[in-house]
Amino acid sequence: MSVPLHFVVKTRLVEVVEGLGEGAALPPERVLAKEFGVSRWTMRQAIRELIADGRLRARQGQGTFVATPKLVQPLALVSYTEALRAQGHTPGREVVAFDELAADAELAEKLDIAEGEPVHRLERVLFADGQPIGLETTYLAVARFPTLKEVLDPTGSLYRCLTDQLGVQFGEGEELVETVIATPREAELLKATQSLPMLLLHRTSRDTTGRPIEAVRSLYRGDRVGFRATLRP
């Protein structure tokens, strides 16, 4: 089976990227095309794939640069704040919405409540070192956490608030990871294009008694974030 030319070029281009180092500017497309002996279209396709892979980053009006390594988040019941700080990065959050809505059938099942019951919705853009990397929406039953709005700083750690101020003890969680295309709204909030690959995580966590705590939908930029899980027999 023949290998597409742009894939061969992409493989060779990775060596160039590794030789340049983090933050360095990539030579102009026309220069690389001439050096590799391929068309500019082929070189452009290879560069686009490396941008999607998170190896390169395009800056409007400035050119293309070697990207910083991806953030690797653990698939575990840990605070986003603590996980990021443990890797030497500065976390941040921007609140998009903090309101209440009626649970639909799917959300009611996840939170073990009746359909139509009120739930807190906390939607936030997640930042790492000042750059948007994810969009997280968390749902919690109002009946279980009636004082959440009074005690939570929505720009801070939700998990710390739940454990330290509301006495929640996390027991276990289930997480589903899939790839999706961002909606125009999501792409705008994450300062990305709709063509950029996204990783979507659905999480339901429970306390030590098995009672549901939260249902979470987290969308991450595929060029900025990867995930790691520890597997044991």
C-alpha atoms as a PDB file:
ATOM      1  CA  MET A   1       0.000   0.000   0.000  1.00  0.00           C
ATOM      2  CA  SER A   2       1.431   3.380  -1.007  1.00  0.00           C
ATOM      3  CA  VAL A   3       1.957   6.033   1.645  1.00  0.00           C
ATOM      4  CA  PRO A   4       0.573   9.523   0.893  1.00  0.00           C
ATOM      5  CA  LEU A   5       3.348  11.966   0.030  1.00  0.00           C
ATOM      6  CA  HIS A   6       2.249  14.515   2.631  1.00  0.00           C
ATOM      7  CA  PHE A   7       2.599  11.840   5.330  1.00  0.00           C
ATOM      8  CA  VAL A   8       6.180  11.129   4.246  1.00  0.00           C
ATOM      9  CA  VAL A   9       6.873  14.868   4.302  1.00  0.00           C
ATOM     10  CA  LYS A  10       5.225  15.153   7.727  1.00  0.00           C
ATOM     11  CA  THR A  11       7.520  12.432   9.110  1.00  0.00           C
ATOM     12  CA  ARG A  12      10.606  14.212   7.794  1.00  0.00           C
ATOM     13  CA  LEU A  13       9.297  17.545   9.039  1.00  0.00           C
ATOM     14  CA  VAL A  14       9.083  16.168  12.593  1.00  0.00           C
ATOM     15  CA  GLU A  15      12.886  15.855  12.555  1.00  0.00           C
ATOM     16  CA  VAL A  16      13.160  19.512  11.556  1.00  0.00           C
ATOM     17  CA  VAL A  17      10.769  20.525  14.355  1.00  0.00           C
ATOM     18  CA  GLU A  18      12.690  18.542  16.953  1.00  0.00           C
ATOM     19  CA  GLY A  19      15.922  20.165  15.825  1.00  0.00           C
ATOM     20  CA  LEU A  20      14.517  23.690  16.142  1.00  0.00           C
ATOM     21  CA  GLY A  21      13.358  23.447  19.741  1.00  0.00           C
ATOM     22  CA  GLU A  22      10.358  24.816  21.616  1.00  0.00           C
ATOM     23  CA  GLY A  23       9.144  28.261  20.529  1.00  0.00           C
ATOM     24  CA  ALA A  24      11.338  28.464  17.427  1.00  0.00           C
ATOM     25  CA  ALA A  25       9.877  29.730  14.165  1.00  0.00           C
ATOM     26  CA  LEU A  26       9.390  27.231  11.357  1.00  0.00           C
ATOM     27  CA  PRO A  27      10.976  28.267   8.032  1.00  0.00           C
ATOM     28  CA  PRO A  28       8.498  29.636   5.474  1.00  0.00           C
ATOM     29  CA  GLU A  29       6.332  27.117   3.659  1.00  0.00           C
ATOM     30  CA  ARG A  30       7.846  27.948   0.263  1.00  0.00           C
ATOM     31  CA  VAL A  31      11.379  27.436   1.596  1.00  0.00           C
ATOM     32  CA  LEU A  32      10.513  24.046   3.088  1.00  0.00           C
ATOM     33  CA  ALA A  33       8.696  22.966  -0.067  1.00  0.00           C
ATOM     34  CA  LYS A  34      11.753  23.760  -2.171  1.00  0.00           C
ATOM     35  CA  GLU A  35      14.091  22.039   0.294  1.00  0.00           C
ATOM     36  CA  PHE A  36      11.938  18.894   0.391  1.00  0.00           C
ATOM     37  CA  GLY A  37      11.309  18.925  -3.360  1.00  0.00           C
ATOM     38  CA  VAL A  38       7.511  18.931  -3.055  1.00  0.00           C
ATOM     39  CA  SER A  39       4.657  21.269  -3.906  1.00  0.00           C
ATOM     40  CA  ARG A  40       3.567  23.966  -1.498  1.00  0.00           C
ATOM     41  CA  TRP A  41       0.173  22.218  -1.234  1.00  0.00           C
ATOM     42  CA  THR A  42       1.867  19.027   0.008  1.00  0.00           C
ATOM     43  CA  MET A  43       3.981  20.968   2.485  1.00  0.00           C
ATOM     44  CA  ARG A  44       0.936  22.929   3.660  1.00  0.00           C
ATOM     45  CA  GLN A  45      -0.949  19.685   4.316  1.00  0.00           C
ATOM     46  CA  ALA A  46       1.944  18.263   6.349  1.00  0.00           C
ATOM     47  CA  ILE A  47       2.188  21.444   8.409  1.00  0.00           C
ATOM     48  CA  ARG A  48      -1.570  21.462   9.046  1.00  0.00           C
ATOM     49  CA  GLU A  49      -1.407  17.917  10.402  1.00  0.00           C
ATOM     50  CA  LEU A  50       1.460  18.802  12.732  1.00  0.00           C
ATOM     51  CA  ILE A  51      -0.572  21.753  13.982  1.00  0.00           C
ATOM     52  CA  ALA A  52      -3.505  19.417  14.623  1.00  0.00           C
ATOM     53  CA  ASP A  53      -1.138  17.020  16.414  1.00  0.00           C
ATOM     54  CA  GLY A  54       0.020  19.826  18.677  1.00  0.00           C
ATOM     55  CA  ARG A  55       3.614  19.818  17.404  1.00  0.00           C
ATOM     56  CA  LEU A  56       3.307  23.218  15.737  1.00  0.00           C
ATOM     57  CA  ARG A  57       1.273  26.338  16.446  1.00  0.00           C
ATOM     58  CA  ALA A  58       0.190  28.947  13.909  1.00  0.00           C
ATOM     59  CA  ARG A  59       0.049  32.587  14.983  1.00  0.00           C
ATOM     60  CA  GLN A  60      -2.045  34.894  12.860  1.00  0.00           C
ATOM     61  CA  GLY A  61       0.194  37.255  10.905  1.00  0.00           C
ATOM     62  CA  GLN A  62       3.375  35.940  12.556  1.00  0.00           C
ATOM     63  CA  GLY A  63       3.998  32.476  11.146  1.00  0.00           C
ATOM     64  CA  THR A  64       4.251  28.938  12.471  1.00  0.00           C
ATOM     65  CA  PHE A  65       6.187  28.003  15.600  1.00  0.00           C
ATOM     66  CA  VAL A  66       7.256  24.884  17.467  1.00  0.00           C
ATOM     67  CA  ALA A  67       4.619  24.296  20.134  1.00  0.00           C
ATOM     68  CA  THR A  68       5.192  23.639  23.796  1.00  0.00           C
ATOM     69  CA  PRO A  69       4.707  20.002  24.858  1.00  0.00           C
ATOM     70  CA  LYS A  70       1.144  18.907  25.530  1.00  0.00           C
ATOM     71  CA  LEU A  71      -0.202  19.007  29.051  1.00  0.00           C
ATOM     72  CA  VAL A  72      -0.780  15.468  30.295  1.00  0.00           C
ATOM     73  CA  GLN A  73      -3.768  15.216  32.606  1.00  0.00           C
ATOM     74  CA  PRO A  74      -4.392  12.124  34.737  1.00  0.00           C
ATOM     75  CA  LEU A  75      -7.690  10.308  34.291  1.00  0.00           C
ATOM     76  CA  ALA A  76      -8.444  10.363  37.997  1.00  0.00           C
ATOM     77  CA  LEU A  77     -10.664  12.034  40.575  1.00  0.00           C
ATOM     78  CA  VAL A  78      -8.294  14.894  41.247  1.00  0.00           C
ATOM     79  CA  SER A  79      -8.668  18.653  41.179  1.00  0.00           C
ATOM     80  CA  TYR A  80      -7.785  20.340  37.892  1.00  0.00           C
ATOM     81  CA  THR A  81      -5.967  22.994  39.906  1.00  0.00           C
ATOM     82  CA  GLU A  82      -3.818  20.519  41.816  1.00  0.00           C
ATOM     83  CA  ALA A  83      -3.069  18.363  38.759  1.00  0.00           C
ATOM     84  CA  LEU A  84      -1.864  21.359  36.765  1.00  0.00           C
ATOM     85  CA  ARG A  85       0.218  22.837  39.577  1.00  0.00           C
ATOM     86  CA  ALA A  86       1.873  19.466  40.105  1.00  0.00           C
ATOM     87  CA  GLN A  87       3.205  19.759  36.534  1.00  0.00           C
ATOM     88  CA  GLY A  88       4.574  23.244  37.130  1.00  0.00           C
ATOM     89  CA  HIS A  89       1.822  25.142  35.310  1.00  0.00           C
ATOM     90  CA  THR A  90      -0.450  27.958  36.442  1.00  0.00           C
ATOM     91  CA  PRO A  91      -4.156  27.034  36.302  1.00  0.00           C
ATOM     92  CA  GLY A  92      -6.949  29.498  35.680  1.00  0.00           C
ATOM     93  CA  ARG A  93     -10.694  29.558  35.056  1.00  0.00           C
ATOM     94  CA  GLU A  94     -13.140  31.938  33.456  1.00  0.00           C
ATOM     95  CA  VAL A  95     -16.792  31.527  34.397  1.00  0.00           C
ATOM     96  CA  VAL A  96     -19.165  31.302  31.439  1.00  0.00           C
ATOM     97  CA  ALA A  97     -22.311  30.329  33.355  1.00  0.00           C
ATOM     98  CA  PHE A  98     -23.278  29.531  36.946  1.00  0.00           C
ATOM     99  CA  ASP A  99     -27.029  29.000  37.059  1.00  0.00           C
ATOM    100  CA  GLU A 100     -29.774  26.440  37.565  1.00  0.00           C
ATOM    101  CA  LEU A 101     -31.762  24.389  35.078  1.00  0.00           C
ATOM    102  CA  ALA A 102     -34.177  21.488  35.071  1.00  0.00           C
ATOM    103  CA  ALA A 103     -32.608  18.059  34.669  1.00  0.00           C
ATOM    104  CA  ASP A 104     -33.471  16.196  31.490  1.00  0.00           C
ATOM    105  CA  ALA A 105     -33.883  12.422  31.531  1.00  0.00           C
ATOM    106  CA  GLU A 106     -30.209  11.658  30.870  1.00  0.00           C
ATOM    107  CA  LEU A 107     -28.892  14.062  33.497  1.00  0.00           C
ATOM    108  CA  ALA A 108     -31.483  12.925  36.034  1.00  0.00           C
ATOM    109  CA  GLU A 109     -30.329   9.325  35.607  1.00  0.00           C
ATOM    110  CA  LYS A 110     -26.677  10.264  36.122  1.00  0.00           C
ATOM    111  CA  LEU A 111     -27.428  12.226  39.293  1.00  0.00           C
ATOM    112  CA  ASP A 112     -30.071   9.790  40.550  1.00  0.00           C
ATOM    113  CA  ILE A 113     -32.773  12.456  40.773  1.00  0.00           C
ATOM    114  CA  ALA A 114     -36.200  12.889  39.190  1.00  0.00           C
ATOM    115  CA  GLU A 115     -36.467  14.386  35.736  1.00  0.00           C
ATOM    116  CA  GLY A 116     -37.222  18.095  35.979  1.00  0.00           C
ATOM    117  CA  GLU A 117     -35.508  18.582  39.344  1.00  0.00           C
ATOM    118  CA  PRO A 118     -33.215  21.635  39.516  1.00  0.00           C
ATOM    119  CA  VAL A 119     -29.476  21.223  39.046  1.00  0.00           C
ATOM    120  CA  HIS A 120     -26.583  23.646  39.339  1.00  0.00           C
ATOM    121  CA  ARG A 121     -24.764  24.233  36.059  1.00  0.00           C
ATOM    122  CA  LEU A 122     -21.211  25.549  36.302  1.00  0.00           C
ATOM    123  CA  GLU A 123     -19.581  26.194  32.921  1.00  0.00           C
ATOM    124  CA  ARG A 124     -15.995  27.431  32.836  1.00  0.00           C
ATOM    125  CA  VAL A 125     -13.154  27.885  30.366  1.00  0.00           C
ATOM    126  CA  LEU A 126     -10.024  26.203  31.728  1.00  0.00           C
ATOM    127  CA  PHE A 127      -6.659  27.917  31.297  1.00  0.00           C
ATOM    128  CA  ALA A 128      -3.070  26.763  31.611  1.00  0.00           C
ATOM    129  CA  ASP A 129      -0.432  29.494  31.823  1.00  0.00           C
ATOM    130  CA  GLY A 130      -2.951  31.987  30.476  1.00  0.00           C
ATOM    131  CA  GLN A 131      -3.938  29.913  27.428  1.00  0.00           C
ATOM    132  CA  PRO A 132      -7.409  28.318  27.043  1.00  0.00           C
ATOM    133  CA  ILE A 133      -7.213  24.544  26.904  1.00  0.00           C
ATOM    134  CA  GLY A 134     -10.667  23.289  27.885  1.00  0.00           C
ATOM    135  CA  LEU A 135     -14.336  24.012  28.443  1.00  0.00           C
ATOM    136  CA  GLU A 136     -15.837  22.262  31.471  1.00  0.00           C
ATOM    137  CA  THR A 137     -19.505  22.042  32.409  1.00  0.00           C
ATOM    138  CA  THR A 138     -20.401  20.500  35.763  1.00  0.00           C
ATOM    139  CA  TYR A 139     -23.903  19.572  36.939  1.00  0.00           C
ATOM    140  CA  LEU A 140     -24.812  19.004  40.601  1.00  0.00           C
ATOM    141  CA  ALA A 141     -28.223  18.417  42.184  1.00  0.00           C
ATOM    142  CA  VAL A 142     -29.537  21.505  43.958  1.00  0.00           C
ATOM    143  CA  ALA A 143     -31.296  19.333  46.538  1.00  0.00           C
ATOM    144  CA  ARG A 144     -27.969  17.841  47.586  1.00  0.00           C
ATOM    145  CA  PHE A 145     -25.956  21.068  47.417  1.00  0.00           C
ATOM    146  CA  PRO A 146     -28.424  23.880  48.198  1.00  0.00           C
ATOM    147  CA  THR A 147     -25.709  26.250  49.477  1.00  0.00           C
ATOM    148  CA  LEU A 148     -23.239  25.727  46.628  1.00  0.00           C
ATOM    149  CA  LYS A 149     -23.651  29.235  45.215  1.00  0.00           C
ATOM    150  CA  GLU A 150     -23.045  30.727  48.639  1.00  0.00           C
ATOM    151  CA  VAL A 151     -19.816  28.867  49.435  1.00  0.00           C
ATOM    152  CA  LEU A 152     -18.156  28.340  46.052  1.00  0.00           C
ATOM    153  CA  ASP A 153     -15.792  30.774  44.403  1.00  0.00           C
ATOM    154  CA  PRO A 154     -16.568  29.802  40.775  1.00  0.00           C
ATOM    155  CA  THR A 155     -13.064  30.767  39.650  1.00  0.00           C
ATOM    156  CA  GLY A 156     -11.513  28.400  42.202  1.00  0.00           C
ATOM    157  CA  SER A 157     -11.400  24.662  42.768  1.00  0.00           C
ATOM    158  CA  LEU A 158     -14.812  23.008  42.891  1.00  0.00           C
ATOM    159  CA  TYR A 159     -13.378  19.800  44.348  1.00  0.00           C
ATOM    160  CA  ARG A 160     -11.697  21.640  47.203  1.00  0.00           C
ATOM    161  CA  CYS A 161     -14.947  23.422  47.999  1.00  0.00           C
ATOM    162  CA  LEU A 162     -16.916  20.171  47.943  1.00  0.00           C
ATOM    163  CA  THR A 163     -14.475  18.373  50.225  1.00  0.00           C
ATOM    164  CA  ASP A 164     -13.396  21.161  52.577  1.00  0.00           C
ATOM    165  CA  GLN A 165     -16.642  23.115  52.939  1.00  0.00           C
ATOM    166  CA  LEU A 166     -19.417  20.664  52.086  1.00  0.00           C
ATOM    167  CA  GLY A 167     -17.886  17.498  53.532  1.00  0.00           C
ATOM    168  CA  VAL A 168     -17.988  15.408  50.344  1.00  0.00           C
ATOM    169  CA  GLN A 169     -15.764  12.339  50.174  1.00  0.00           C
ATOM    170  CA  PHE A 170     -15.065  11.230  46.624  1.00  0.00           C
ATOM    171  CA  GLY A 171     -15.190   7.483  46.149  1.00  0.00           C
ATOM    172  CA  GLU A 172     -15.095   6.546  42.483  1.00  0.00           C
ATOM    173  CA  GLY A 173     -15.862   7.841  39.019  1.00  0.00           C
ATOM    174  CA  GLU A 174     -16.560   6.698  35.486  1.00  0.00           C
ATOM    175  CA  GLU A 175     -15.153   8.521  32.487  1.00  0.00           C
ATOM    176  CA  LEU A 176     -15.790   8.190  28.763  1.00  0.00           C
ATOM    177  CA  VAL A 177     -13.373   9.802  26.293  1.00  0.00           C
ATOM    178  CA  GLU A 178     -14.192  10.447  22.645  1.00  0.00           C
ATOM    179  CA  THR A 179     -13.154  12.721  19.797  1.00  0.00           C
ATOM    180  CA  VAL A 180     -15.551  15.385  18.545  1.00  0.00           C
ATOM    181  CA  ILE A 181     -15.723  18.549  16.476  1.00  0.00           C
ATOM    182  CA  ALA A 182     -16.329  21.727  18.445  1.00  0.00           C
ATOM    183  CA  THR A 183     -19.411  23.822  17.846  1.00  0.00           C
ATOM    184  CA  PRO A 184     -18.833  27.419  16.672  1.00  0.00           C
ATOM    185  CA  ARG A 185     -19.506  28.644  20.224  1.00  0.00           C
ATOM    186  CA  GLU A 186     -17.080  26.162  21.775  1.00  0.00           C
ATOM    187  CA  ALA A 187     -14.376  26.963  19.225  1.00  0.00           C
ATOM    188  CA  GLU A 188     -14.766  30.672  19.951  1.00  0.00           C
ATOM    189  CA  LEU A 189     -14.483  30.173  23.716  1.00  0.00           C
ATOM    190  CA  LEU A 190     -11.354  28.055  23.259  1.00  0.00           C
ATOM    191  CA  LYS A 191      -9.849  30.402  20.652  1.00  0.00           C
ATOM    192  CA  ALA A 192      -9.656  27.532  18.184  1.00  0.00           C
ATOM    193  CA  THR A 193     -10.975  26.636  14.754  1.00  0.00           C
ATOM    194  CA  GLN A 194     -13.684  24.037  14.214  1.00  0.00           C
ATOM    195  CA  SER A 195     -11.207  21.935  12.251  1.00  0.00           C
ATOM    196  CA  LEU A 196      -9.052  21.445  15.346  1.00  0.00           C
ATOM    197  CA  PRO A 197      -9.498  17.977  16.936  1.00  0.00           C
ATOM    198  CA  MET A 198     -11.159  18.031  20.335  1.00  0.00           C
ATOM    199  CA  LEU A 199     -11.252  15.477  23.149  1.00  0.00           C
ATOM    200  CA  LEU A 200     -14.571  15.161  24.958  1.00  0.00           C
ATOM    201  CA  LEU A 201     -14.773  13.616  28.423  1.00  0.00           C
ATOM    202  CA  HIS A 202     -17.991  12.580  30.165  1.00  0.00           C
ATOM    203  CA  ARG A 203     -17.561  11.926  33.875  1.00  0.00           C
ATOM    204  CA  THR A 204     -19.880  10.809  36.639  1.00  0.00           C
ATOM    205  CA  SER A 205     -18.393  10.725  40.133  1.00  0.00           C
ATOM    206  CA  ARG A 206     -19.769   9.195  43.319  1.00  0.00           C
ATOM    207  CA  ASP A 207     -19.018   9.492  47.007  1.00  0.00           C
ATOM    208  CA  THR A 208     -17.841   6.685  49.258  1.00  0.00           C
ATOM    209  CA  THR A 209     -21.444   5.527  49.759  1.00  0.00           C
ATOM    210  CA  GLY A 210     -22.077   5.269  46.015  1.00  0.00           C
ATOM    211  CA  ARG A 211     -24.263   8.364  45.829  1.00  0.00           C
ATOM    212  CA  PRO A 212     -23.765  10.528  42.698  1.00  0.00           C
ATOM    213  CA  ILE A 213     -21.924  13.812  43.249  1.00  0.00           C
ATOM    214  CA  GLU A 214     -21.620  15.350  39.803  1.00  0.00           C
ATOM    215  CA  ALA A 215     -21.954  14.852  36.076  1.00  0.00           C
ATOM    216  CA  VAL A 216     -19.266  16.590  34.045  1.00  0.00           C
ATOM    217  CA  ARG A 217     -18.781  17.348  30.361  1.00  0.00           C
ATOM    218  CA  SER A 218     -15.241  18.490  29.571  1.00  0.00           C
ATOM    219  CA  LEU A 219     -14.048  19.527  26.114  1.00  0.00           C
ATOM    220  CA  TYR A 220     -10.288  19.840  25.596  1.00  0.00           C
ATOM    221  CA  ARG A 221      -8.159  21.098  22.731  1.00  0.00           C
ATOM    222  CA  GLY A 222      -6.517  18.052  21.174  1.00  0.00           C
ATOM    223  CA  ASP A 223      -3.430  20.069  20.264  1.00  0.00           C
ATOM    224  CA  ARG A 224      -2.795  21.117  23.854  1.00  0.00           C
ATOM    225  CA  VAL A 225      -3.867  18.256  26.102  1.00  0.00           C
ATOM    226  CA  GLY A 226      -3.307  14.520  26.409  1.00  0.00           C
ATOM    227  CA  PHE A 227      -4.532  12.079  29.053  1.00  0.00           C
ATOM    228  CA  ARG A 228      -2.821   9.353  31.036  1.00  0.00           C
ATOM    229  CA  ALA A 229      -4.337   6.435  32.908  1.00  0.00           C
ATOM    230  CA  THR A 230      -2.615   3.908  35.158  1.00  0.00           C
ATOM    231  CA  LEU A 231      -3.695   0.371  34.302  1.00  0.00           C
ATOM    232  CA  ARG A 232      -3.339  -2.587  36.632  1.00  0.00           C
ATOM    233  CA  PRO A 233      -4.282  -6.253  36.152  1.00  0.00           C
END
